[in-house]
Amino acid sequence: MNTQKPKIVHKAQILSYATLAVGLVRSMLEFPRLAQEAAPVGGVWFINFVQMFVLLFMVGLIWLIGKRKNWARWIFVIMFVLGVPLSINPLIQSLQYSPFSGVLGLAQIIAQTIAVIFLFKAPAREWFKSNLAID
């Protein structure tokens, strides 16, 4: 039974954490625009609440993936698949408001895609599968 975490899972985690860091940078770059758009629903408070909630949720999910929780891997991929189409319009707005932020957003999507691919490559699949017999 394989209990050692494959390097590809570790790489997926690092990429995922890096995309969160890039997201924080993007949020700072676009904060004035975001605050203006969020004014009708609570403004800065609302933005901060949502960003902290999402950040903490994603950090926890990535951590659980590293702890060999197969369900966390599936939630991660489902959120990715649902999130990519929803990110297209905000990405276009980012490219118009702050081209640098928009380019960072494209880099995020690419890195997240690679992370998801890594989590479903053979070494990762086998590692998660071998844990299912234990649970």
Protein backbone atom coordinates (compact mmCIF):
# COMPACT_ATOMS: atom_id res chain seq x y z
CA MET A 1 0.00 0.00 0.00
CA ASN A 2 1.36 3.39 -1.04
CA THR A 3 1.23 5.84 1.86
CA GLN A 4 3.78 8.39 0.70
CA LYS A 5 2.28 11.44 -1.01
CA PRO A 6 3.26 11.51 -4.69
CA LYS A 7 5.33 14.49 -5.81
CA ILE A 8 2.64 15.34 -8.34
CA VAL A 9 0.09 15.87 -5.53
CA HIS A 10 2.57 18.10 -3.72
CA LYS A 11 3.10 20.08 -6.94
CA ALA A 12 -0.68 20.43 -7.36
CA GLN A 13 -0.92 21.79 -3.83
CA ILE A 14 1.91 24.28 -4.38
CA LEU A 15 0.31 25.49 -7.63
CA SER A 16 -3.05 25.81 -5.90
CA TYR A 17 -1.63 27.81 -3.00
CA ALA A 18 0.24 30.00 -5.49
CA THR A 19 -2.99 30.76 -7.36
CA LEU A 20 -4.53 31.89 -4.07
CA ALA A 21 -1.59 34.26 -3.51
CA VAL A 22 -1.97 35.62 -7.04
CA GLY A 23 -5.68 36.09 -6.33
CA LEU A 24 -4.85 38.23 -3.29
CA VAL A 25 -2.54 40.40 -5.40
CA ARG A 26 -5.26 40.75 -8.04
CA SER A 27 -7.78 41.73 -5.37
CA MET A 28 -5.50 44.51 -4.18
CA LEU A 29 -4.93 45.74 -7.73
CA GLU A 30 -8.65 45.85 -8.45
CA PHE A 31 -9.94 46.83 -5.02
CA PRO A 32 -11.30 50.26 -6.01
CA ARG A 33 -13.34 48.78 -8.86
CA LEU A 34 -14.54 45.88 -6.72
CA ALA A 35 -15.58 48.20 -3.88
CA GLN A 36 -17.56 50.36 -6.27
CA GLU A 37 -19.34 47.37 -7.80
CA ALA A 38 -20.09 45.91 -4.37
CA ALA A 39 -21.44 49.18 -2.91
CA PRO A 40 -25.11 48.12 -3.29
CA VAL A 41 -24.54 44.92 -1.28
CA GLY A 42 -22.27 46.14 1.51
CA GLY A 43 -19.22 47.54 -0.23
CA VAL A 44 -15.83 46.96 1.33
CA TRP A 45 -17.20 44.86 4.20
CA PHE A 46 -18.88 42.50 1.75
CA ILE A 47 -15.76 42.18 -0.42
CA ASN A 48 -13.56 41.45 2.60
CA PHE A 49 -16.01 38.89 3.98
CA VAL A 50 -16.37 37.00 0.69
CA GLN A 51 -12.65 37.04 -0.03
CA MET A 52 -11.73 35.79 3.45
CA PHE A 53 -14.39 33.08 3.32
CA VAL A 54 -13.25 31.85 -0.09
CA LEU A 55 -9.57 32.06 0.87
CA LEU A 56 -10.03 30.07 4.08
CA PHE A 57 -12.28 27.52 2.37
CA MET A 58 -9.77 26.97 -0.43
CA VAL A 59 -6.79 26.75 1.93
CA GLY A 60 -8.67 24.11 3.90
CA LEU A 61 -9.64 22.20 0.78
CA ILE A 62 -6.08 22.19 -0.58
CA TRP A 63 -4.79 21.10 2.84
CA LEU A 64 -7.33 18.24 2.93
CA ILE A 65 -6.23 17.14 -0.55
CA GLY A 66 -2.73 16.82 0.87
CA LYS A 67 -4.19 14.75 3.72
CA ARG A 68 -5.44 12.28 1.10
CA LYS A 69 -9.11 13.14 1.24
CA ASN A 70 -10.48 12.01 -2.11
CA TRP A 71 -13.77 13.88 -1.60
CA ALA A 72 -11.76 17.14 -1.25
CA ARG A 73 -10.07 16.42 -4.59
CA TRP A 74 -13.49 15.98 -6.22
CA ILE A 75 -14.90 19.15 -4.67
CA PHE A 76 -11.82 20.98 -5.91
CA VAL A 77 -12.30 19.78 -9.49
CA ILE A 78 -16.05 20.43 -9.46
CA MET A 79 -15.46 23.98 -8.23
CA PHE A 80 -12.85 24.43 -10.94
CA VAL A 81 -15.13 23.16 -13.72
CA LEU A 82 -18.02 25.34 -12.53
CA GLY A 83 -15.78 28.33 -11.86
CA VAL A 84 -13.96 28.63 -15.16
CA PRO A 85 -17.02 29.65 -17.23
CA LEU A 86 -18.08 32.05 -14.47
CA SER A 87 -14.63 33.66 -14.47
CA ILE A 88 -14.67 34.68 -18.14
CA ASN A 89 -16.61 37.95 -17.75
CA PRO A 90 -14.67 39.09 -14.65
CA LEU A 91 -11.45 38.23 -16.48
CA ILE A 92 -12.46 40.40 -19.43
CA GLN A 93 -13.28 43.23 -16.99
CA SER A 94 -9.89 42.76 -15.34
CA LEU A 95 -8.11 42.97 -18.67
CA GLN A 96 -9.91 46.27 -19.36
CA TYR A 97 -9.50 47.77 -15.87
CA SER A 98 -5.99 46.54 -15.12
CA PRO A 99 -4.26 44.62 -17.90
CA PHE A 100 -1.59 43.38 -15.47
CA SER A 101 -4.28 41.92 -13.24
CA GLY A 102 -5.95 40.37 -16.26
CA VAL A 103 -2.72 38.67 -17.29
CA LEU A 104 -2.32 37.40 -13.73
CA GLY A 105 -5.87 36.06 -13.98
CA LEU A 106 -4.98 34.14 -17.13
CA ALA A 107 -1.93 32.75 -15.34
CA GLN A 108 -4.19 31.68 -12.47
CA ILE A 109 -6.48 29.75 -14.78
CA ILE A 110 -3.53 28.04 -16.45
CA ALA A 111 -1.97 27.10 -13.10
CA GLN A 112 -5.30 25.83 -11.75
CA THR A 113 -5.79 23.74 -14.88
CA ILE A 114 -2.36 22.19 -14.42
CA ALA A 115 -3.09 21.51 -10.74
CA VAL A 116 -6.34 19.72 -11.59
CA ILE A 117 -4.57 17.65 -14.25
CA PHE A 118 -1.88 16.73 -11.72
CA LEU A 119 -4.51 15.59 -9.20
CA PHE A 120 -5.93 13.13 -11.73
CA LYS A 121 -2.72 11.73 -13.20
CA ALA A 122 -1.99 8.06 -12.46
CA PRO A 123 0.28 8.47 -9.38
CA ALA A 124 -2.23 10.77 -7.70
CA ARG A 125 -5.23 8.62 -8.67
CA GLU A 126 -3.56 5.52 -7.23
CA TRP A 127 -2.60 7.32 -4.03
CA PHE A 128 -6.15 8.53 -3.45
CA LYS A 129 -7.62 5.17 -4.50
CA SER A 130 -5.44 3.20 -2.08
CA ASN A 131 -6.76 5.38 0.76
CA LEU A 132 -10.38 4.51 -0.08
CA ALA A 133 -9.80 0.95 1.13
CA ILE A 134 -8.60 2.36 4.49
CA ASP A 135 -11.54 4.74 5.05
